Amino acid sequence: MFSGSSGLHYIQYRESGWSEQFYQEHQEVIDTHKNAQAAYDIAGGKMPTLKELSAEYDSLRTQVIEAKAVLEKLNQEIKDLKNIRYNFRILLQDTDPKPKNHHRHYDLER
């Protein structure tokens, strides 16, 4: 079992014969213990060691660093593409034989 107050309350709850009154008085702590026990059971009853957790953390940190580099590159590509689109629209406006006033910021008639 787990140590700490949730573990102690759970033991007292069990020793009370699963008393509904005891459960109501300590529901939050007992539920916390049950959730922790479920997580422990999902892990096959074996909690990872600090070495295993550190290795996983290092791996995830490396993935984050790599993903940030890719994201930075993609953001630059997006910026470049937006500039190209803007320049293309300007060129289209300049070469269009029929001016479209709704695309311009000023009215040529004035």
PDB file of N, CA and C in Angstrom:
ATOM      1  N   MET A   1       0.834  -1.187   0.000  1.00  0.00           N
ATOM      2  CA  MET A   1       0.000   0.000   0.000  1.00  0.00           C
ATOM      3  C   MET A   1       0.876   1.247   0.000  1.00  0.00           C
ATOM      4  N   PHE A   2       0.259   2.356  -0.322  1.00  0.00           N
ATOM      5  CA  PHE A   2       0.954   3.636  -0.344  1.00  0.00           C
ATOM      6  C   PHE A   2       1.012   4.209   1.061  1.00  0.00           C
ATOM      7  N   SER A   3       2.072   4.927   1.305  1.00  0.00           N
ATOM      8  CA  SER A   3       2.174   5.603   2.590  1.00  0.00           C
ATOM      9  C   SER A   3       1.564   6.980   2.459  1.00  0.00           C
ATOM     10  N   GLY A   4       1.520   7.706   3.547  1.00  0.00           N
ATOM     11  CA  GLY A   4       0.937   9.038   3.522  1.00  0.00           C
ATOM     12  C   GLY A   4      -0.472   8.993   4.073  1.00  0.00           C
ATOM     13  N   SER A   5      -1.082  10.167   4.185  1.00  0.00           N
ATOM     14  CA  SER A   5      -2.394  10.241   4.818  1.00  0.00           C
ATOM     15  C   SER A   5      -3.464   9.516   4.022  1.00  0.00           C
ATOM     16  N   SER A   6      -3.367   9.544   2.668  1.00  0.00           N
ATOM     17  CA  SER A   6      -4.400   8.850   1.899  1.00  0.00           C
ATOM     18  C   SER A   6      -4.339   7.349   2.166  1.00  0.00           C
ATOM     19  N   GLY A   7      -3.120   6.814   2.291  1.00  0.00           N
ATOM     20  CA  GLY A   7      -2.973   5.395   2.586  1.00  0.00           C
ATOM     21  C   GLY A   7      -3.509   5.043   3.961  1.00  0.00           C
ATOM     22  N   LEU A   8      -3.224   5.903   4.944  1.00  0.00           N
ATOM     23  CA  LEU A   8      -3.709   5.652   6.305  1.00  0.00           C
ATOM     24  C   LEU A   8      -5.227   5.720   6.366  1.00  0.00           C
ATOM     25  N   HIS A   9      -5.809   6.710   5.700  1.00  0.00           N
ATOM     26  CA  HIS A   9      -7.268   6.809   5.693  1.00  0.00           C
ATOM     27  C   HIS A   9      -7.889   5.600   4.997  1.00  0.00           C
ATOM     28  N   TYR A  10      -7.251   5.147   3.926  1.00  0.00           N
ATOM     29  CA  TYR A  10      -7.790   3.994   3.216  1.00  0.00           C
ATOM     30  C   TYR A  10      -7.746   2.754   4.109  1.00  0.00           C
ATOM     31  N   ILE A  11      -6.653   2.576   4.838  1.00  0.00           N
ATOM     32  CA  ILE A  11      -6.548   1.432   5.756  1.00  0.00           C
ATOM     33  C   ILE A  11      -7.632   1.528   6.832  1.00  0.00           C
ATOM     34  N   GLN A  12      -7.821   2.739   7.383  1.00  0.00           N
ATOM     35  CA  GLN A  12      -8.872   2.926   8.392  1.00  0.00           C
ATOM     36  C   GLN A  12     -10.254   2.658   7.795  1.00  0.00           C
ATOM     37  N   TYR A  13     -10.454   3.074   6.550  1.00  0.00           N
ATOM     38  CA  TYR A  13     -11.730   2.833   5.869  1.00  0.00           C
ATOM     39  C   TYR A  13     -11.964   1.333   5.711  1.00  0.00           C
ATOM     40  N   ARG A  14     -10.934   0.616   5.304  1.00  0.00           N
ATOM     41  CA  ARG A  14     -11.035  -0.829   5.133  1.00  0.00           C
ATOM     42  C   ARG A  14     -11.308  -1.501   6.488  1.00  0.00           C
ATOM     43  N   GLU A  15     -10.583  -1.037   7.527  1.00  0.00           N
ATOM     44  CA  GLU A  15     -10.761  -1.634   8.863  1.00  0.00           C
ATOM     45  C   GLU A  15     -12.123  -1.308   9.466  1.00  0.00           C
ATOM     46  N   SER A  16     -12.765  -0.243   8.967  1.00  0.00           N
ATOM     47  CA  SER A  16     -14.094   0.118   9.477  1.00  0.00           C
ATOM     48  C   SER A  16     -15.181  -0.757   8.863  1.00  0.00           C
ATOM     49  N   GLY A  17     -14.759  -1.698   8.033  1.00  0.00           N
ATOM     50  CA  GLY A  17     -15.737  -2.567   7.371  1.00  0.00           C
ATOM     51  C   GLY A  17     -16.392  -1.839   6.203  1.00  0.00           C
ATOM     52  N   TRP A  18     -15.646  -0.938   5.564  1.00  0.00           N
ATOM     53  CA  TRP A  18     -16.126  -0.157   4.425  1.00  0.00           C
ATOM     54  C   TRP A  18     -17.319   0.712   4.819  1.00  0.00           C
ATOM     55  N   SER A  19     -17.210   1.311   5.998  1.00  0.00           N
ATOM     56  CA  SER A  19     -18.274   2.145   6.552  1.00  0.00           C
ATOM     57  C   SER A  19     -18.600   3.311   5.618  1.00  0.00           C
ATOM     58  N   GLU A  20     -19.889   3.426   5.292  1.00  0.00           N
ATOM     59  CA  GLU A  20     -20.341   4.516   4.421  1.00  0.00           C
ATOM     60  C   GLU A  20     -20.122   5.872   5.091  1.00  0.00           C
ATOM     61  N   GLN A  21     -20.321   5.937   6.414  1.00  0.00           N
ATOM     62  CA  GLN A  21     -20.126   7.195   7.137  1.00  0.00           C
ATOM     63  C   GLN A  21     -18.645   7.610   7.091  1.00  0.00           C
ATOM     64  N   PHE A  22     -17.745   6.671   7.317  1.00  0.00           N
ATOM     65  CA  PHE A  22     -16.316   6.968   7.260  1.00  0.00           C
ATOM     66  C   PHE A  22     -15.938   7.431   5.854  1.00  0.00           C
ATOM     67  N   TYR A  23     -16.500   6.748   4.855  1.00  0.00           N
ATOM     68  CA  TYR A  23     -16.210   7.116   3.472  1.00  0.00           C
ATOM     69  C   TYR A  23     -16.672   8.551   3.186  1.00  0.00           C
ATOM     70  N   GLN A  24     -17.867   8.904   3.623  1.00  0.00           N
ATOM     71  CA  GLN A  24     -18.386  10.250   3.391  1.00  0.00           C
ATOM     72  C   GLN A  24     -17.502  11.307   4.062  1.00  0.00           C
ATOM     73  N   GLU A  25     -16.997  11.002   5.257  1.00  0.00           N
ATOM     74  CA  GLU A  25     -16.162  11.960   5.991  1.00  0.00           C
ATOM     75  C   GLU A  25     -14.786  12.133   5.352  1.00  0.00           C
ATOM     76  N   HIS A  26     -14.289  11.111   4.670  1.00  0.00           N
ATOM     77  CA  HIS A  26     -12.934  11.145   4.115  1.00  0.00           C
ATOM     78  C   HIS A  26     -12.918  10.805   2.617  1.00  0.00           C
ATOM     79  N   GLN A  27     -13.982  11.137   1.925  1.00  0.00           N
ATOM     80  CA  GLN A  27     -14.144  10.735   0.528  1.00  0.00           C
ATOM     81  C   GLN A  27     -13.012  11.226  -0.374  1.00  0.00           C
ATOM     82  N   GLU A  28     -12.632  12.479  -0.247  1.00  0.00           N
ATOM     83  CA  GLU A  28     -11.602  13.034  -1.134  1.00  0.00           C
ATOM     84  C   GLU A  28     -10.273  12.290  -0.975  1.00  0.00           C
ATOM     85  N   VAL A  29      -9.875  12.041   0.266  1.00  0.00           N
ATOM     86  CA  VAL A  29      -8.600  11.373   0.525  1.00  0.00           C
ATOM     87  C   VAL A  29      -8.650   9.911   0.067  1.00  0.00           C
ATOM     88  N   ILE A  30      -9.771   9.248   0.317  1.00  0.00           N
ATOM     89  CA  ILE A  30      -9.921   7.844  -0.084  1.00  0.00           C
ATOM     90  C   ILE A  30      -9.915   7.728  -1.606  1.00  0.00           C
ATOM     91  N   ASP A  31     -10.619   8.622  -2.288  1.00  0.00           N
ATOM     92  CA  ASP A  31     -10.643   8.596  -3.754  1.00  0.00           C
ATOM     93  C   ASP A  31      -9.263   8.879  -4.337  1.00  0.00           C
ATOM     94  N   THR A  32      -8.516   9.766  -3.698  1.00  0.00           N
ATOM     95  CA  THR A  32      -7.146  10.037  -4.140  1.00  0.00           C
ATOM     96  C   THR A  32      -6.313   8.765  -4.051  1.00  0.00           C
ATOM     97  N   HIS A  33      -6.475   8.041  -2.962  1.00  0.00           N
ATOM     98  CA  HIS A  33      -5.746   6.779  -2.783  1.00  0.00           C
ATOM     99  C   HIS A  33      -6.165   5.755  -3.845  1.00  0.00           C
ATOM    100  N   LYS A  34      -7.466   5.663  -4.107  1.00  0.00           N
ATOM    101  CA  LYS A  34      -7.945   4.709  -5.118  1.00  0.00           C
ATOM    102  C   LYS A  34      -7.373   5.052  -6.497  1.00  0.00           C
ATOM    103  N   ASN A  35      -7.335   6.325  -6.832  1.00  0.00           N
ATOM    104  CA  ASN A  35      -6.784   6.746  -8.124  1.00  0.00           C
ATOM    105  C   ASN A  35      -5.291   6.438  -8.220  1.00  0.00           C
ATOM    106  N   ALA A  36      -4.576   6.657  -7.126  1.00  0.00           N
ATOM    107  CA  ALA A  36      -3.145   6.345  -7.111  1.00  0.00           C
ATOM    108  C   ALA A  36      -2.926   4.840  -7.247  1.00  0.00           C
ATOM    109  N   GLN A  37      -3.760   4.071  -6.582  1.00  0.00           N
ATOM    110  CA  GLN A  37      -3.649   2.608  -6.667  1.00  0.00           C
ATOM    111  C   GLN A  37      -3.931   2.137  -8.094  1.00  0.00           C
ATOM    112  N   ALA A  38      -4.913   2.766  -8.755  1.00  0.00           N
ATOM    113  CA  ALA A  38      -5.238   2.393 -10.139  1.00  0.00           C
ATOM    114  C   ALA A  38      -4.052   2.690 -11.055  1.00  0.00           C
ATOM    115  N   ALA A  39      -3.414   3.832 -10.861  1.00  0.00           N
ATOM    116  CA  ALA A  39      -2.240   4.172 -11.674  1.00  0.00           C
ATOM    117  C   ALA A  39      -1.112   3.177 -11.426  1.00  0.00           C
ATOM    118  N   TYR A  40      -0.942   2.792 -10.197  1.00  0.00           N
ATOM    119  CA  TYR A  40       0.080   1.807  -9.826  1.00  0.00           C
ATOM    120  C   TYR A  40      -0.215   0.468 -10.499  1.00  0.00           C
ATOM    121  N   ASP A  41      -1.483   0.063 -10.492  1.00  0.00           N
ATOM    122  CA  ASP A  41      -1.875  -1.205 -11.108  1.00  0.00           C
ATOM    123  C   ASP A  41      -1.673  -1.164 -12.625  1.00  0.00           C
ATOM    124  N   ILE A  42      -1.967  -0.032 -13.251  1.00  0.00           N
ATOM    125  CA  ILE A  42      -1.770   0.106 -14.697  1.00  0.00           C
ATOM    126  C   ILE A  42      -0.297  -0.079 -15.042  1.00  0.00           C
ATOM    127  N   ALA A  43       0.575   0.391 -14.167  1.00  0.00           N
ATOM    128  CA  ALA A  43       2.016   0.247 -14.390  1.00  0.00           C
ATOM    129  C   ALA A  43       2.490  -1.167 -14.098  1.00  0.00           C
ATOM    130  N   GLY A  44       1.569  -2.077 -13.888  1.00  0.00           N
ATOM    131  CA  GLY A  44       1.925  -3.471 -13.622  1.00  0.00           C
ATOM    132  C   GLY A  44       2.419  -3.664 -12.198  1.00  0.00           C
ATOM    133  N   GLY A  45       2.067  -2.765 -11.319  1.00  0.00           N
ATOM    134  CA  GLY A  45       2.489  -2.870  -9.934  1.00  0.00           C
ATOM    135  C   GLY A  45       3.939  -2.495  -9.716  1.00  0.00           C
ATOM    136  N   LYS A  46       4.579  -1.990 -10.766  1.00  0.00           N
ATOM    137  CA  LYS A  46       5.989  -1.614 -10.662  1.00  0.00           C
ATOM    138  C   LYS A  46       6.117  -0.138 -11.042  1.00  0.00           C
ATOM    139  N   MET A  47       6.539   0.651 -10.119  1.00  0.00           N
ATOM    140  CA  MET A  47       6.746   2.069 -10.389  1.00  0.00           C
ATOM    141  C   MET A  47       8.101   2.236 -11.074  1.00  0.00           C
ATOM    142  N   PRO A  48       8.182   3.150 -12.033  1.00  0.00           N
ATOM    143  CA  PRO A  48       9.461   3.355 -12.725  1.00  0.00           C
ATOM    144  C   PRO A  48      10.513   3.916 -11.768  1.00  0.00           C
ATOM    145  N   THR A  49      11.747   3.564 -12.054  1.00  0.00           N
ATOM    146  CA  THR A  49      12.840   4.074 -11.229  1.00  0.00           C
ATOM    147  C   THR A  49      13.177   5.501 -11.659  1.00  0.00           C
ATOM    148  N   LEU A  50      13.938   6.187 -10.832  1.00  0.00           N
ATOM    149  CA  LEU A  50      14.363   7.545 -11.156  1.00  0.00           C
ATOM    150  C   LEU A  50      15.198   7.537 -12.433  1.00  0.00           C
ATOM    151  N   LYS A  51      16.015   6.510 -12.601  1.00  0.00           N
ATOM    152  CA  LYS A  51      16.840   6.400 -13.808  1.00  0.00           C
ATOM    153  C   LYS A  51      15.959   6.277 -15.054  1.00  0.00           C
ATOM    154  N   GLU A  52      14.900   5.437 -14.970  1.00  0.00           N
ATOM    155  CA  GLU A  52      13.987   5.274 -16.098  1.00  0.00           C
ATOM    156  C   GLU A  52      13.236   6.573 -16.398  1.00  0.00           C
ATOM    157  N   LEU A  53      12.784   7.230 -15.350  1.00  0.00           N
ATOM    158  CA  LEU A  53      12.074   8.495 -15.538  1.00  0.00           C
ATOM    159  C   LEU A  53      12.990   9.561 -16.129  1.00  0.00           C
ATOM    160  N   SER A  54      14.234   9.596 -15.677  1.00  0.00           N
ATOM    161  CA  SER A  54      15.194  10.566 -16.206  1.00  0.00           C
ATOM    162  C   SER A  54      15.477  10.307 -17.681  1.00  0.00           C
ATOM    163  N   ALA A  55      15.605   9.046 -18.045  1.00  0.00           N
ATOM    164  CA  ALA A  55      15.845   8.696 -19.447  1.00  0.00           C
ATOM    165  C   ALA A  55      14.653   9.107 -20.310  1.00  0.00           C
ATOM    166  N   GLU A  56      13.450   8.852 -19.827  1.00  0.00           N
ATOM    167  CA  GLU A  56      12.257   9.239 -20.579  1.00  0.00           C
ATOM    168  C   GLU A  56      12.166  10.765 -20.692  1.00  0.00           C
ATOM    169  N   TYR A  57      12.469  11.456 -19.611  1.00  0.00           N
ATOM    170  CA  TYR A  57      12.453  12.923 -19.622  1.00  0.00           C
ATOM    171  C   TYR A  57      13.453  13.454 -20.647  1.00  0.00           C
ATOM    172  N   ASP A  58      14.664  12.909 -20.641  1.00  0.00           N
ATOM    173  CA  ASP A  58      15.690  13.350 -21.595  1.00  0.00           C
ATOM    174  C   ASP A  58      15.239  13.112 -23.035  1.00  0.00           C
ATOM    175  N   SER A  59      14.630  11.972 -23.283  1.00  0.00           N
ATOM    176  CA  SER A  59      14.132  11.657 -24.616  1.00  0.00           C
ATOM    177  C   SER A  59      13.047  12.642 -25.041  1.00  0.00           C
ATOM    178  N   LEU A  60      12.114  12.910 -24.148  1.00  0.00           N
ATOM    179  CA  LEU A  60      11.040  13.851 -24.456  1.00  0.00           C
ATOM    180  C   LEU A  60      11.580  15.268 -24.641  1.00  0.00           C
ATOM    181  N   ARG A  61      12.549  15.632 -23.841  1.00  0.00           N
ATOM    182  CA  ARG A  61      13.149  16.972 -23.962  1.00  0.00           C
ATOM    183  C   ARG A  61      13.840  17.120 -25.321  1.00  0.00           C
ATOM    184  N   THR A  62      14.533  16.082 -25.766  1.00  0.00           N
ATOM    185  CA  THR A  62      15.176  16.101 -27.081  1.00  0.00           C
ATOM    186  C   THR A  62      14.131  16.245 -28.181  1.00  0.00           C
ATOM    187  N   GLN A  63      13.019  15.522 -28.052  1.00  0.00           N
ATOM    188  CA  GLN A  63      11.944  15.630 -29.039  1.00  0.00           C
ATOM    189  C   GLN A  63      11.379  17.040 -29.086  1.00  0.00           C
ATOM    190  N   VAL A  64      11.219  17.668 -27.929  1.00  0.00           N
ATOM    191  CA  VAL A  64      10.700  19.036 -27.875  1.00  0.00           C
ATOM    192  C   VAL A  64      11.662  20.002 -28.554  1.00  0.00           C
ATOM    193  N   ILE A  65      12.947  19.860 -28.294  1.00  0.00           N
ATOM    194  CA  ILE A  65      13.954  20.731 -28.912  1.00  0.00           C
ATOM    195  C   ILE A  65      13.927  20.569 -30.428  1.00  0.00           C
ATOM    196  N   GLU A  66      13.850  19.323 -30.901  1.00  0.00           N
ATOM    197  CA  GLU A  66      13.792  19.068 -32.340  1.00  0.00           C
ATOM    198  C   GLU A  66      12.510  19.645 -32.946  1.00  0.00           C
ATOM    199  N   ALA A  67      11.395  19.480 -32.252  1.00  0.00           N
ATOM    200  CA  ALA A  67      10.116  19.990 -32.755  1.00  0.00           C
ATOM    201  C   ALA A  67      10.133  21.517 -32.816  1.00  0.00           C
ATOM    202  N   LYS A  68      10.755  22.170 -31.834  1.00  0.00           N
ATOM    203  CA  LYS A  68      10.850  23.633 -31.849  1.00  0.00           C
ATOM    204  C   LYS A  68      11.679  24.103 -33.039  1.00  0.00           C
ATOM    205  N   ALA A  69      12.732  23.386 -33.369  1.00  0.00           N
ATOM    206  CA  ALA A  69      13.563  23.754 -34.521  1.00  0.00           C
ATOM    207  C   ALA A  69      12.756  23.629 -35.813  1.00  0.00           C
ATOM    208  N   VAL A  70      11.986  22.549 -35.934  1.00  0.00           N
ATOM    209  CA  VAL A  70      11.145  22.361 -37.120  1.00  0.00           C
ATOM    210  C   VAL A  70      10.084  23.456 -37.184  1.00  0.00           C
ATOM    211  N   LEU A  71       9.485  23.758 -36.052  1.00  0.00           N
ATOM    212  CA  LEU A  71       8.458  24.797 -35.994  1.00  0.00           C
ATOM    213  C   LEU A  71       9.022  26.155 -36.404  1.00  0.00           C
ATOM    214  N   GLU A  72      10.205  26.474 -35.932  1.00  0.00           N
ATOM    215  CA  GLU A  72      10.839  27.736 -36.289  1.00  0.00           C
ATOM    216  C   GLU A  72      11.071  27.816 -37.797  1.00  0.00           C
ATOM    217  N   LYS A  73      11.526  26.720 -38.380  1.00  0.00           N
ATOM    218  CA  LYS A  73      11.754  26.679 -39.823  1.00  0.00           C
ATOM    219  C   LYS A  73      10.433  26.845 -40.581  1.00  0.00           C
ATOM    220  N   LEU A  74       9.387  26.154 -40.131  1.00  0.00           N
ATOM    221  CA  LEU A  74       8.091  26.255 -40.786  1.00  0.00           C
ATOM    222  C   LEU A  74       7.500  27.658 -40.650  1.00  0.00           C
ATOM    223  N   ASN A  75       7.682  28.284 -39.500  1.00  0.00           N
ATOM    224  CA  ASN A  75       7.195  29.655 -39.320  1.00  0.00           C
ATOM    225  C   ASN A  75       7.887  30.604 -40.287  1.00  0.00           C
ATOM    226  N   GLN A  76       9.172  30.413 -40.516  1.00  0.00           N
ATOM    227  CA  GLN A  76       9.888  31.248 -41.480  1.00  0.00           C
ATOM    228  C   GLN A  76       9.365  31.002 -42.891  1.00  0.00           C
ATOM    229  N   GLU A  77       9.089  29.739 -43.225  1.00  0.00           N
ATOM    230  CA  GLU A  77       8.538  29.418 -44.540  1.00  0.00           C
ATOM    231  C   GLU A  77       7.165  30.052 -44.726  1.00  0.00           C
ATOM    232  N   ILE A  78       6.343  30.036 -43.678  1.00  0.00           N
ATOM    233  CA  ILE A  78       5.026  30.665 -43.746  1.00  0.00           C
ATOM    234  C   ILE A  78       5.182  32.162 -43.985  1.00  0.00           C
ATOM    235  N   LYS A  79       6.095  32.787 -43.276  1.00  0.00           N
ATOM    236  CA  LYS A  79       6.336  34.220 -43.448  1.00  0.00           C
ATOM    237  C   LYS A  79       6.773  34.511 -44.881  1.00  0.00           C
ATOM    238  N   ASP A  80       7.672  33.695 -45.419  1.00  0.00           N
ATOM    239  CA  ASP A  80       8.133  33.880 -46.792  1.00  0.00           C
ATOM    240  C   ASP A  80       6.982  33.709 -47.783  1.00  0.00           C
ATOM    241  N   LEU A  81       6.150  32.699 -47.572  1.00  0.00           N
ATOM    242  CA  LEU A  81       5.017  32.465 -48.468  1.00  0.00           C
ATOM    243  C   LEU A  81       4.007  33.609 -48.403  1.00  0.00           C
ATOM    244  N   LYS A  82       3.783  34.163 -47.238  1.00  0.00           N
ATOM    245  CA  LYS A  82       2.877  35.313 -47.117  1.00  0.00           C
ATOM    246  C   LYS A  82       3.433  36.512 -47.875  1.00  0.00           C
ATOM    247  N   ASN A  83       4.746  36.711 -47.794  1.00  0.00           N
ATOM    248  CA  ASN A  83       5.368  37.811 -48.542  1.00  0.00           C
ATOM    249  C   ASN A  83       5.238  37.580 -50.042  1.00  0.00           C
ATOM    250  N   ILE A  84       5.438  36.352 -50.479  1.00  0.00           N
ATOM    251  CA  ILE A  84       5.302  36.018 -51.901  1.00  0.00           C
ATOM    252  C   ILE A  84       3.864  36.259 -52.351  1.00  0.00           C
ATOM    253  N   ARG A  85       2.898  35.828 -51.554  1.00  0.00           N
ATOM    254  CA  ARG A  85       1.483  36.037 -51.898  1.00  0.00           C
ATOM    255  C   ARG A  85       1.169  37.521 -51.999  1.00  0.00           C
ATOM    256  N   TYR A  86       1.661  38.304 -51.056  1.00  0.00           N
ATOM    257  CA  TYR A  86       1.432  39.746 -51.073  1.00  0.00           C
ATOM    258  C   TYR A  86       2.033  40.362 -52.340  1.00  0.00           C
ATOM    259  N   ASN A  87       3.273  40.009 -52.654  1.00  0.00           N
ATOM    260  CA  ASN A  87       3.929  40.545 -53.844  1.00  0.00           C
ATOM    261  C   ASN A  87       3.208  40.108 -55.118  1.00  0.00           C
ATOM    262  N   PHE A  88       2.730  38.864 -55.150  1.00  0.00           N
ATOM    263  CA  PHE A  88       2.010  38.362 -56.301  1.00  0.00           C
ATOM    264  C   PHE A  88       0.726  39.159 -56.522  1.00  0.00           C
ATOM    265  N   ARG A  89       0.003  39.435 -55.451  1.00  0.00           N
ATOM    266  CA  ARG A  89      -1.229  40.229 -55.563  1.00  0.00           C
ATOM    267  C   ARG A  89      -0.937  41.637 -56.080  1.00  0.00           C
ATOM    268  N   ILE A  90       0.135  42.225 -55.622  1.00  0.00           N
ATOM    269  CA  ILE A  90       0.525  43.553 -56.097  1.00  0.00           C
ATOM    270  C   ILE A  90       0.821  43.496 -57.600  1.00  0.00           C
ATOM    271  N   LEU A  91       1.566  42.481 -58.015  1.00  0.00           N
ATOM    272  CA  LEU A  91       1.877  42.333 -59.442  1.00  0.00           C
ATOM    273  C   LEU A  91       0.613  42.125 -60.266  1.00  0.00           C
ATOM    274  N   LEU A  92      -0.325  41.336 -59.766  1.00  0.00           N
ATOM    275  CA  LEU A  92      -1.580  41.129 -60.476  1.00  0.00           C
ATOM    276  C   LEU A  92      -2.355  42.434 -60.625  1.00  0.00           C
ATOM    277  N   GLN A  93      -2.385  43.225 -59.576  1.00  0.00           N
ATOM    278  CA  GLN A  93      -3.086  44.501 -59.630  1.00  0.00           C
ATOM    279  C   GLN A  93      -2.431  45.432 -60.648  1.00  0.00           C
ATOM    280  N   ASP A  94      -1.111  45.429 -60.685  1.00  0.00           N
ATOM    281  CA  ASP A  94      -0.389  46.315 -61.599  1.00  0.00           C
ATOM    282  C   ASP A  94      -0.522  45.880 -63.049  1.00  0.00           C
ATOM    283  N   THR A  95      -0.726  44.600 -63.309  1.00  0.00           N
ATOM    284  CA  THR A  95      -0.803  44.111 -64.689  1.00  0.00           C
ATOM    285  C   THR A  95      -2.239  43.928 -65.155  1.00  0.00           C
ATOM    286  N   ASP A  96      -3.194  44.060 -64.279  1.00  0.00           N
ATOM    287  CA  ASP A  96      -4.602  43.891 -64.638  1.00  0.00           C
ATOM    288  C   ASP A  96      -5.055  45.104 -65.458  1.00  0.00           C
ATOM    289  N   PRO A  97      -5.590  44.889 -66.688  1.00  0.00           N
ATOM    290  CA  PRO A  97      -6.002  46.023 -67.509  1.00  0.00           C
ATOM    291  C   PRO A  97      -7.216  46.763 -66.937  1.00  0.00           C
ATOM    292  N   LYS A  98      -8.045  46.082 -66.149  1.00  0.00           N
ATOM    293  CA  LYS A  98      -9.212  46.717 -65.536  1.00  0.00           C
ATOM    294  C   LYS A  98      -8.921  46.903 -64.053  1.00  0.00           C
ATOM    295  N   PRO A  99      -8.695  48.138 -63.629  1.00  0.00           N
ATOM    296  CA  PRO A  99      -8.436  48.339 -62.194  1.00  0.00           C
ATOM    297  C   PRO A  99      -9.668  47.993 -61.358  1.00  0.00           C
ATOM    298  N   LYS A 100      -9.417  47.338 -60.292  1.00  0.00           N
ATOM    299  CA  LYS A 100     -10.484  46.975 -59.367  1.00  0.00           C
ATOM    300  C   LYS A 100     -10.310  47.844 -58.132  1.00  0.00           C
ATOM    301  N   ASN A 101     -11.150  48.840 -58.012  1.00  0.00           N
ATOM    302  CA  ASN A 101     -11.013  49.821 -56.942  1.00  0.00           C
ATOM    303  C   ASN A 101     -11.175  49.205 -55.555  1.00  0.00           C
ATOM    304  N   HIS A 102     -11.942  48.142 -55.461  1.00  0.00           N
ATOM    305  CA  HIS A 102     -12.151  47.562 -54.137  1.00  0.00           C
ATOM    306  C   HIS A 102     -10.893  46.891 -53.586  1.00  0.00           C
ATOM    307  N   HIS A 103      -9.883  46.689 -54.449  1.00  0.00           N
ATOM    308  CA  HIS A 103      -8.627  46.125 -53.974  1.00  0.00           C
ATOM    309  C   HIS A 103      -7.624  47.213 -53.602  1.00  0.00           C
ATOM    310  N   ARG A 104      -7.884  48.419 -54.053  1.00  0.00           N
ATOM    311  CA  ARG A 104      -6.950  49.510 -53.785  1.00  0.00           C
ATOM    312  C   ARG A 104      -7.369  50.257 -52.532  1.00  0.00           C
ATOM    313  N   HIS A 105      -6.417  50.923 -51.942  1.00  0.00           N
ATOM    314  CA  HIS A 105      -6.695  51.676 -50.728  1.00  0.00           C
ATOM    315  C   HIS A 105      -7.132  53.105 -51.030  1.00  0.00           C
ATOM    316  N   TYR A 106      -7.180  53.456 -52.271  1.00  0.00           N
ATOM    317  CA  TYR A 106      -7.578  54.804 -52.649  1.00  0.00           C
ATOM    318  C   TYR A 106      -8.433  54.749 -53.904  1.00  0.00           C
ATOM    319  N   ASP A 107      -9.171  55.794 -54.136  1.00  0.00           N
ATOM    320  CA  ASP A 107     -10.045  55.863 -55.304  1.00  0.00           C
ATOM    321  C   ASP A 107      -9.373  56.699 -56.373  1.00  0.00           C
ATOM    322  N   LEU A 108      -9.215  56.172 -57.597  1.00  0.00           N
ATOM    323  CA  LEU A 108      -8.535  56.887 -58.677  1.00  0.00           C
ATOM    324  C   LEU A 108      -9.379  58.016 -59.240  1.00  0.00           C
ATOM    325  N   GLU A 109     -10.689  58.015 -59.030  1.00  0.00           N
ATOM    326  CA  GLU A 109     -11.590  59.013 -59.584  1.00  0.00           C
ATOM    327  C   GLU A 109     -11.467  60.345 -58.866  1.00  0.00           C
ATOM    328  N   ARG A 110     -11.028  60.380 -57.671  1.00  0.00           N
ATOM    329  CA  ARG A 110     -11.007  61.603 -56.850  1.00  0.00           C
ATOM    330  C   ARG A 110      -9.919  62.531 -57.268  1.00  0.00           C
TER     331      ARG A 110
END
